């Protein structure tokens, strides 16, 4: 069942379905941003590491590689936490709609 933008949802199932669709949309966008972030970090790490290593600056190349790996790990944690947070908020909304005060 598709809900029109100007028409409020009529039943709890419609609201719940919209919440799950929103969770899926947010998860999809978070995944896409995560992939883009990993690709950018990996490219910068590989390019910087190669540039330093090819000029004989081994220590700087190793530091660049380690920093890039750390950035990828931090970006992954940020994406995971973002998905969990949005799911928690949307589940709270569904519960509030199910049991109105």
N, C-alpha and C. Protein backbone atom coordinates (compact mmCIF):
# COMPACT_ATOMS: atom_id res chain seq x y z
N UNK A 1 0.85 -1.17 0.00
CA UNK A 1 0.00 0.00 0.00
C UNK A 1 0.90 1.23 0.00
N UNK A 2 0.68 2.11 -0.92
CA UNK A 2 1.50 3.33 -1.03
C UNK A 2 0.73 4.50 -0.42
N UNK A 3 1.40 5.27 0.40
CA UNK A 3 0.78 6.42 1.07
C UNK A 3 1.14 7.68 0.32
N UNK A 4 0.16 8.51 0.06
CA UNK A 4 0.42 9.77 -0.61
C UNK A 4 1.09 10.72 0.37
N UNK A 5 1.90 11.64 -0.17
CA UNK A 5 2.67 12.54 0.68
C UNK A 5 1.80 13.47 1.51
N UNK A 6 0.70 13.95 0.99
CA UNK A 6 -0.14 14.91 1.71
C UNK A 6 -1.19 14.24 2.59
N UNK A 7 -1.31 12.94 2.48
CA UNK A 7 -2.33 12.22 3.24
C UNK A 7 -1.67 11.52 4.42
N UNK A 8 -2.16 11.73 5.64
CA UNK A 8 -1.56 11.06 6.79
C UNK A 8 -1.86 9.56 6.76
N UNK A 9 -0.97 8.74 7.31
CA UNK A 9 -1.22 7.30 7.32
C UNK A 9 -2.47 6.98 8.14
N UNK A 10 -3.22 6.00 7.67
CA UNK A 10 -4.50 5.73 8.31
C UNK A 10 -4.42 4.66 9.39
N UNK A 11 -3.50 3.75 9.29
CA UNK A 11 -3.45 2.66 10.25
C UNK A 11 -2.05 2.52 10.84
N UNK A 12 -1.99 1.77 11.92
CA UNK A 12 -0.71 1.51 12.56
C UNK A 12 0.23 0.76 11.62
N UNK A 13 -0.31 -0.18 10.84
CA UNK A 13 0.51 -0.95 9.91
C UNK A 13 1.17 -0.03 8.87
N UNK A 14 0.43 0.99 8.42
CA UNK A 14 1.01 1.93 7.46
C UNK A 14 2.17 2.70 8.07
N UNK A 15 2.00 3.13 9.31
CA UNK A 15 3.06 3.87 10.00
C UNK A 15 4.26 2.97 10.23
N UNK A 16 4.01 1.74 10.65
CA UNK A 16 5.09 0.80 10.90
C UNK A 16 5.84 0.48 9.60
N UNK A 17 5.10 0.29 8.51
CA UNK A 17 5.72 0.02 7.22
C UNK A 17 6.58 1.21 6.78
N UNK A 18 6.06 2.42 6.97
CA UNK A 18 6.85 3.61 6.61
C UNK A 18 8.11 3.71 7.45
N UNK A 19 8.02 3.36 8.73
CA UNK A 19 9.21 3.40 9.60
C UNK A 19 10.25 2.39 9.12
N UNK A 20 9.81 1.19 8.74
CA UNK A 20 10.76 0.19 8.27
C UNK A 20 11.36 0.59 6.92
N UNK A 21 10.57 1.22 6.07
CA UNK A 21 11.11 1.72 4.81
C UNK A 21 12.15 2.81 5.06
N UNK A 22 11.89 3.65 6.05
CA UNK A 22 12.85 4.70 6.38
C UNK A 22 14.13 4.10 6.95
N UNK A 23 14.02 3.05 7.78
CA UNK A 23 15.20 2.37 8.29
C UNK A 23 16.03 1.79 7.16
N UNK A 24 15.35 1.18 6.20
CA UNK A 24 16.05 0.60 5.06
C UNK A 24 16.73 1.69 4.23
N UNK A 25 16.05 2.80 4.03
CA UNK A 25 16.63 3.91 3.26
C UNK A 25 17.87 4.46 3.95
N UNK A 26 17.77 4.66 5.26
CA UNK A 26 18.91 5.19 6.01
C UNK A 26 20.08 4.20 6.01
N UNK A 27 19.77 2.93 6.15
CA UNK A 27 20.83 1.91 6.13
C UNK A 27 21.51 1.87 4.78
N UNK A 28 20.73 2.00 3.71
CA UNK A 28 21.29 2.00 2.36
C UNK A 28 22.22 3.19 2.16
N UNK A 29 21.77 4.38 2.58
CA UNK A 29 22.60 5.58 2.43
C UNK A 29 23.86 5.49 3.30
N UNK A 30 23.72 4.97 4.50
CA UNK A 30 24.88 4.82 5.38
C UNK A 30 25.88 3.84 4.78
N UNK A 31 25.38 2.75 4.22
CA UNK A 31 26.27 1.78 3.57
C UNK A 31 27.00 2.41 2.40
N UNK A 32 26.28 3.17 1.58
CA UNK A 32 26.91 3.82 0.43
C UNK A 32 27.98 4.82 0.88
N UNK A 33 27.68 5.61 1.90
CA UNK A 33 28.67 6.56 2.41
C UNK A 33 29.86 5.84 3.03
N UNK A 34 29.60 4.73 3.70
CA UNK A 34 30.67 3.95 4.28
C UNK A 34 31.60 3.42 3.18
N UNK A 35 31.02 2.88 2.13
CA UNK A 35 31.84 2.38 1.02
C UNK A 35 32.67 3.50 0.40
N UNK A 36 32.05 4.64 0.19
CA UNK A 36 32.77 5.78 -0.38
C UNK A 36 33.90 6.21 0.55
N UNK A 37 33.64 6.29 1.84
CA UNK A 37 34.67 6.67 2.80
C UNK A 37 35.83 5.70 2.82
N UNK A 38 35.53 4.41 2.78
CA UNK A 38 36.59 3.40 2.77
C UNK A 38 37.43 3.52 1.50
N UNK A 39 36.77 3.73 0.37
CA UNK A 39 37.49 3.85 -0.90
C UNK A 39 38.40 5.08 -0.88
N UNK A 40 37.88 6.21 -0.39
CA UNK A 40 38.69 7.43 -0.33
C UNK A 40 39.87 7.24 0.62
N UNK A 41 39.61 6.70 1.82
CA UNK A 41 40.70 6.47 2.78
C UNK A 41 41.74 5.51 2.21
N UNK A 42 41.28 4.45 1.56
CA UNK A 42 42.21 3.47 0.99
C UNK A 42 43.05 4.11 -0.13
N UNK A 43 42.42 4.94 -0.95
CA UNK A 43 43.16 5.58 -2.04
C UNK A 43 44.20 6.55 -1.49
N UNK A 44 43.82 7.33 -0.50
CA UNK A 44 44.77 8.28 0.10
C UNK A 44 45.90 7.52 0.79
N UNK A 45 45.56 6.46 1.49
CA UNK A 45 46.58 5.66 2.17
C UNK A 45 47.53 5.03 1.17
N UNK A 46 46.98 4.41 0.15
CA UNK A 46 47.83 3.74 -0.84
C UNK A 46 48.68 4.76 -1.60
N UNK A 47 48.06 5.87 -2.01
CA UNK A 47 48.82 6.89 -2.74
C UNK A 47 49.90 7.52 -1.90
N UNK A 48 49.55 7.88 -0.67
CA UNK A 48 50.55 8.49 0.21
C UNK A 48 51.64 7.52 0.61
N UNK A 49 51.23 6.31 0.93
CA UNK A 49 52.22 5.29 1.30
C UNK A 49 53.17 4.99 0.15
N UNK A 50 52.63 4.85 -1.05
CA UNK A 50 53.47 4.58 -2.22
C UNK A 50 54.41 5.75 -2.50
N UNK A 51 53.88 6.98 -2.38
CA UNK A 51 54.72 8.15 -2.63
C UNK A 51 55.89 8.22 -1.66
N UNK A 52 55.62 7.95 -0.39
CA UNK A 52 56.70 7.99 0.60
C UNK A 52 57.67 6.83 0.41
N UNK A 53 57.12 5.64 0.17
CA UNK A 53 57.99 4.47 0.03
C UNK A 53 58.85 4.54 -1.23
N UNK A 54 58.28 5.11 -2.30
CA UNK A 54 59.05 5.19 -3.54
C UNK A 54 60.19 6.21 -3.45
N UNK A 55 60.10 7.15 -2.53
CA UNK A 55 61.17 8.13 -2.35
C UNK A 55 62.13 7.72 -1.25
N UNK A 56 61.92 6.53 -0.68
CA UNK A 56 62.82 6.02 0.34
C UNK A 56 62.50 6.48 1.75
N UNK A 57 61.38 7.11 1.94
CA UNK A 57 60.99 7.58 3.28
C UNK A 57 60.07 6.53 3.91
N UNK A 58 60.69 5.46 4.38
CA UNK A 58 59.96 4.30 4.87
C UNK A 58 59.12 4.61 6.10
N UNK A 59 59.64 5.36 7.04
CA UNK A 59 58.91 5.65 8.27
C UNK A 59 57.64 6.44 7.96
N UNK A 60 57.76 7.45 7.11
CA UNK A 60 56.58 8.24 6.75
C UNK A 60 55.54 7.40 6.01
N UNK A 61 56.01 6.47 5.17
CA UNK A 61 55.10 5.57 4.46
C UNK A 61 54.35 4.66 5.41
N UNK A 62 55.07 4.15 6.41
CA UNK A 62 54.43 3.28 7.41
C UNK A 62 53.42 4.06 8.24
N UNK A 63 53.76 5.29 8.60
CA UNK A 63 52.84 6.12 9.39
C UNK A 63 51.59 6.44 8.57
N UNK A 64 51.77 6.74 7.29
CA UNK A 64 50.63 7.03 6.42
C UNK A 64 49.72 5.81 6.30
N UNK A 65 50.29 4.64 6.14
CA UNK A 65 49.50 3.41 6.07
C UNK A 65 48.74 3.14 7.35
N UNK A 66 49.40 3.32 8.48
CA UNK A 66 48.74 3.10 9.77
C UNK A 66 47.63 4.12 10.00
N UNK A 67 47.88 5.37 9.65
CA UNK A 67 46.85 6.40 9.83
C UNK A 67 45.64 6.13 8.94
N UNK A 68 45.87 5.69 7.72
CA UNK A 68 44.77 5.37 6.82
C UNK A 68 43.94 4.19 7.32
N UNK A 69 44.62 3.19 7.84
CA UNK A 69 43.91 2.04 8.41
C UNK A 69 43.09 2.45 9.62
N UNK A 70 43.64 3.32 10.45
CA UNK A 70 42.89 3.83 11.60
C UNK A 70 41.68 4.64 11.18
N UNK A 71 41.84 5.44 10.13
CA UNK A 71 40.72 6.24 9.63
C UNK A 71 39.59 5.35 9.11
N UNK A 72 39.95 4.28 8.42
CA UNK A 72 38.94 3.34 7.92
C UNK A 72 38.21 2.68 9.09
N UNK A 73 38.94 2.30 10.13
CA UNK A 73 38.31 1.67 11.30
C UNK A 73 37.36 2.64 12.00
N UNK A 74 37.79 3.88 12.16
CA UNK A 74 36.93 4.89 12.80
C UNK A 74 35.69 5.16 11.95
N UNK A 75 35.86 5.24 10.65
CA UNK A 75 34.73 5.48 9.75
C UNK A 75 33.74 4.33 9.81
N UNK A 76 34.23 3.10 9.92
CA UNK A 76 33.35 1.94 10.03
C UNK A 76 32.54 1.98 11.32
N UNK A 77 33.18 2.33 12.42
CA UNK A 77 32.48 2.43 13.70
C UNK A 77 31.42 3.53 13.65
N UNK A 78 31.75 4.65 13.04
CA UNK A 78 30.80 5.75 12.92
C UNK A 78 29.57 5.32 12.11
N UNK A 79 29.77 4.61 11.02
CA UNK A 79 28.65 4.14 10.20
C UNK A 79 27.79 3.16 10.98
N UNK A 80 28.41 2.23 11.71
CA UNK A 80 27.66 1.24 12.49
C UNK A 80 26.84 1.91 13.58
N UNK A 81 27.45 2.87 14.28
CA UNK A 81 26.73 3.59 15.34
C UNK A 81 25.58 4.42 14.77
N UNK A 82 25.77 4.98 13.59
CA UNK A 82 24.72 5.77 12.96
C UNK A 82 23.50 4.91 12.63
N UNK A 83 23.74 3.72 12.12
CA UNK A 83 22.63 2.81 11.80
C UNK A 83 21.89 2.41 13.06
N UNK A 84 22.62 2.07 14.11
CA UNK A 84 21.98 1.66 15.37
C UNK A 84 21.16 2.80 15.97
N UNK A 85 21.69 4.00 15.91
CA UNK A 85 20.99 5.16 16.46
C UNK A 85 19.70 5.44 15.71
N UNK A 86 19.75 5.41 14.39
CA UNK A 86 18.54 5.69 13.62
C UNK A 86 17.50 4.59 13.81
N UNK A 87 17.92 3.33 13.92
CA UNK A 87 16.97 2.25 14.17
C UNK A 87 16.31 2.42 15.53
N UNK A 88 17.09 2.79 16.54
CA UNK A 88 16.54 2.98 17.88
C UNK A 88 15.49 4.10 17.88
N UNK A 89 15.79 5.21 17.20
CA UNK A 89 14.84 6.32 17.16
C UNK A 89 13.56 5.94 16.42
N UNK A 90 13.69 5.25 15.30
CA UNK A 90 12.50 4.87 14.55
C UNK A 90 11.68 3.82 15.29
N UNK A 91 12.33 2.90 15.99
CA UNK A 91 11.59 1.92 16.79
C UNK A 91 10.83 2.61 17.92
N UNK A 92 11.42 3.64 18.50
CA UNK A 92 10.74 4.39 19.56
C UNK A 92 9.50 5.08 19.00
N UNK A 93 9.61 5.61 17.79
CA UNK A 93 8.45 6.26 17.15
C UNK A 93 7.34 5.24 16.92
N UNK A 94 7.71 4.05 16.43
CA UNK A 94 6.70 3.01 16.18
C UNK A 94 6.01 2.61 17.48
N UNK A 95 6.77 2.49 18.56
CA UNK A 95 6.17 2.13 19.86
C UNK A 95 5.24 3.22 20.36
N UNK A 96 5.61 4.49 20.15
CA UNK A 96 4.76 5.60 20.59
C UNK A 96 3.46 5.63 19.80
N UNK A 97 3.51 5.32 18.54
CA UNK A 97 2.30 5.30 17.72
C UNK A 97 1.42 4.13 18.12
N UNK A 98 2.04 3.00 18.46
CA UNK A 98 1.28 1.81 18.82
C UNK A 98 0.54 1.99 20.14
N UNK A 99 1.19 2.65 21.09
CA UNK A 99 0.57 2.87 22.40
C UNK A 99 0.48 4.37 22.67
N UNK A 100 -0.54 5.05 22.12
CA UNK A 100 -0.64 6.49 22.35
C UNK A 100 -0.95 6.80 23.82
N UNK A 101 -0.46 7.96 24.27
CA UNK A 101 -0.66 8.36 25.67
C UNK A 101 -2.06 8.86 25.91
